[in-house]
Amino acid sequence: MKLKLKKGDEALVITGADKGKKAKVLSIDPDKLKVRLQGVRVQTHFDKKEGIQKKEGWIDYSNVRFVSSAAKPKSKPK
């Protein structure tokens, strides 16, 4: 299945606790149909060496909507 989102695109969360948030796509797992968005579903992770860290969790692909694509730099015509 081809996904409409790519890394760097902007997406809108349409369901769940973070409903209504617009965020940048950090990573995508096409096999499990999961997406990681910046600042959405932030989870606390404890590491012995680094201490307490905040990380974004995975959310289901069906719970987000495409908003805009990542800006691609235009090449100059020769």
C-alpha atoms as a PDB file:
ATOM      1  CA  MET A   1       0.000   0.000   0.000  1.00  0.00           C
ATOM      2  CA  LYS A   2       1.389   3.394  -0.975  1.00  0.00           C
ATOM      3  CA  LEU A   3       1.228   5.971   1.809  1.00  0.00           C
ATOM      4  CA  LYS A   4       0.352   9.613   1.140  1.00  0.00           C
ATOM      5  CA  LEU A   5       2.644  10.957   3.881  1.00  0.00           C
ATOM      6  CA  LYS A   6       6.408  11.335   3.671  1.00  0.00           C
ATOM      7  CA  LYS A   7       9.058  12.352   6.172  1.00  0.00           C
ATOM      8  CA  GLY A   8       9.007  16.137   6.602  1.00  0.00           C
ATOM      9  CA  ASP A   9       5.357  16.606   5.537  1.00  0.00           C
ATOM     10  CA  GLU A  10       2.850  18.321   7.800  1.00  0.00           C
ATOM     11  CA  ALA A  11      -0.081  16.293   9.149  1.00  0.00           C
ATOM     12  CA  LEU A  12      -3.151  16.943  11.286  1.00  0.00           C
ATOM     13  CA  VAL A  13      -4.208  14.545  14.071  1.00  0.00           C
ATOM     14  CA  ILE A  14      -7.918  13.819  13.577  1.00  0.00           C
ATOM     15  CA  THR A  15      -8.627  11.493  16.543  1.00  0.00           C
ATOM     16  CA  GLY A  16      -7.257  10.739  19.990  1.00  0.00           C
ATOM     17  CA  ALA A  17      -5.895  12.795  22.881  1.00  0.00           C
ATOM     18  CA  ASP A  18      -3.884  15.087  20.581  1.00  0.00           C
ATOM     19  CA  LYS A  19      -6.803  15.783  18.223  1.00  0.00           C
ATOM     20  CA  GLY A  20      -6.435  19.047  16.291  1.00  0.00           C
ATOM     21  CA  LYS A  21      -2.636  19.316  16.480  1.00  0.00           C
ATOM     22  CA  LYS A  22      -0.647  20.029  13.316  1.00  0.00           C
ATOM     23  CA  ALA A  23       2.830  18.560  13.321  1.00  0.00           C
ATOM     24  CA  LYS A  24       5.778  17.592  11.149  1.00  0.00           C
ATOM     25  CA  VAL A  25       6.229  13.893  10.263  1.00  0.00           C
ATOM     26  CA  LEU A  26       9.421  12.564  11.892  1.00  0.00           C
ATOM     27  CA  SER A  27       9.278   8.955  10.659  1.00  0.00           C
ATOM     28  CA  ILE A  28       6.965   6.398   9.096  1.00  0.00           C
ATOM     29  CA  ASP A  29       6.708   2.604   9.509  1.00  0.00           C
ATOM     30  CA  PRO A  30       4.960   1.405   6.316  1.00  0.00           C
ATOM     31  CA  ASP A  31       4.817  -2.239   7.453  1.00  0.00           C
ATOM     32  CA  LYS A  32       2.863  -1.494  10.644  1.00  0.00           C
ATOM     33  CA  LEU A  33       1.111   1.635   9.219  1.00  0.00           C
ATOM     34  CA  LYS A  34       2.367   3.832  12.080  1.00  0.00           C
ATOM     35  CA  VAL A  35       3.524   7.461  12.016  1.00  0.00           C
ATOM     36  CA  ARG A  36       5.638   9.497  14.450  1.00  0.00           C
ATOM     37  CA  LEU A  37       4.821  13.227  14.619  1.00  0.00           C
ATOM     38  CA  GLN A  38       6.794  16.003  16.307  1.00  0.00           C
ATOM     39  CA  GLY A  39       5.269  16.902  19.693  1.00  0.00           C
ATOM     40  CA  VAL A  40       2.405  14.407  19.432  1.00  0.00           C
ATOM     41  CA  ARG A  41       1.955  11.512  21.899  1.00  0.00           C
ATOM     42  CA  VAL A  42       5.016  12.457  23.913  1.00  0.00           C
ATOM     43  CA  GLN A  43       6.099   9.624  26.203  1.00  0.00           C
ATOM     44  CA  THR A  44       8.557   9.580  29.104  1.00  0.00           C
ATOM     45  CA  HIS A  45      11.462   7.148  28.747  1.00  0.00           C
ATOM     46  CA  PHE A  46      13.976   6.396  31.518  1.00  0.00           C
ATOM     47  CA  ASP A  47      17.558   5.503  30.614  1.00  0.00           C
ATOM     48  CA  LYS A  48      20.176   4.705  33.285  1.00  0.00           C
ATOM     49  CA  LYS A  49      22.921   6.636  31.488  1.00  0.00           C
ATOM     50  CA  GLU A  50      20.986   9.641  30.192  1.00  0.00           C
ATOM     51  CA  GLY A  51      18.164   9.856  32.741  1.00  0.00           C
ATOM     52  CA  ILE A  52      14.586  10.841  31.911  1.00  0.00           C
ATOM     53  CA  GLN A  53      13.881  11.590  28.240  1.00  0.00           C
ATOM     54  CA  LYS A  54      10.782  12.705  26.371  1.00  0.00           C
ATOM     55  CA  LYS A  55      10.128  10.866  23.085  1.00  0.00           C
ATOM     56  CA  GLU A  56       7.340  10.945  20.520  1.00  0.00           C
ATOM     57  CA  GLY A  57       5.343   7.731  20.308  1.00  0.00           C
ATOM     58  CA  TRP A  58       3.880   5.995  17.277  1.00  0.00           C
ATOM     59  CA  ILE A  59       0.269   6.691  16.264  1.00  0.00           C
ATOM     60  CA  ASP A  60      -1.833   4.887  13.695  1.00  0.00           C
ATOM     61  CA  TYR A  61      -1.684   6.130  10.105  1.00  0.00           C
ATOM     62  CA  SER A  62      -5.493   6.268   9.923  1.00  0.00           C
ATOM     63  CA  ASN A  63      -5.581   8.848  12.749  1.00  0.00           C
ATOM     64  CA  VAL A  64      -3.749  11.553  10.783  1.00  0.00           C
ATOM     65  CA  ARG A  65      -4.627  13.621   7.732  1.00  0.00           C
ATOM     66  CA  PHE A  66      -2.206  15.089   5.188  1.00  0.00           C
ATOM     67  CA  VAL A  67      -1.985  18.909   5.370  1.00  0.00           C
ATOM     68  CA  SER A  68       0.983  20.030   3.280  1.00  0.00           C
ATOM     69  CA  SER A  69       4.104  18.579   1.740  1.00  0.00           C
ATOM     70  CA  ALA A  70       7.690  19.328   2.679  1.00  0.00           C
ATOM     71  CA  ALA A  71       9.157  22.209   0.703  1.00  0.00           C
ATOM     72  CA  LYS A  72      11.595  20.970  -1.907  1.00  0.00           C
ATOM     73  CA  PRO A  73      14.326  23.338  -3.063  1.00  0.00           C
ATOM     74  CA  LYS A  74      13.856  24.289  -6.688  1.00  0.00           C
ATOM     75  CA  SER A  75      16.804  23.737  -8.984  1.00  0.00           C
ATOM     76  CA  LYS A  76      17.977  26.712 -11.012  1.00  0.00           C
ATOM     77  CA  PRO A  77      17.495  26.419 -14.789  1.00  0.00           C
ATOM     78  CA  LYS A  78      20.716  26.395 -16.780  1.00  0.00           C
END
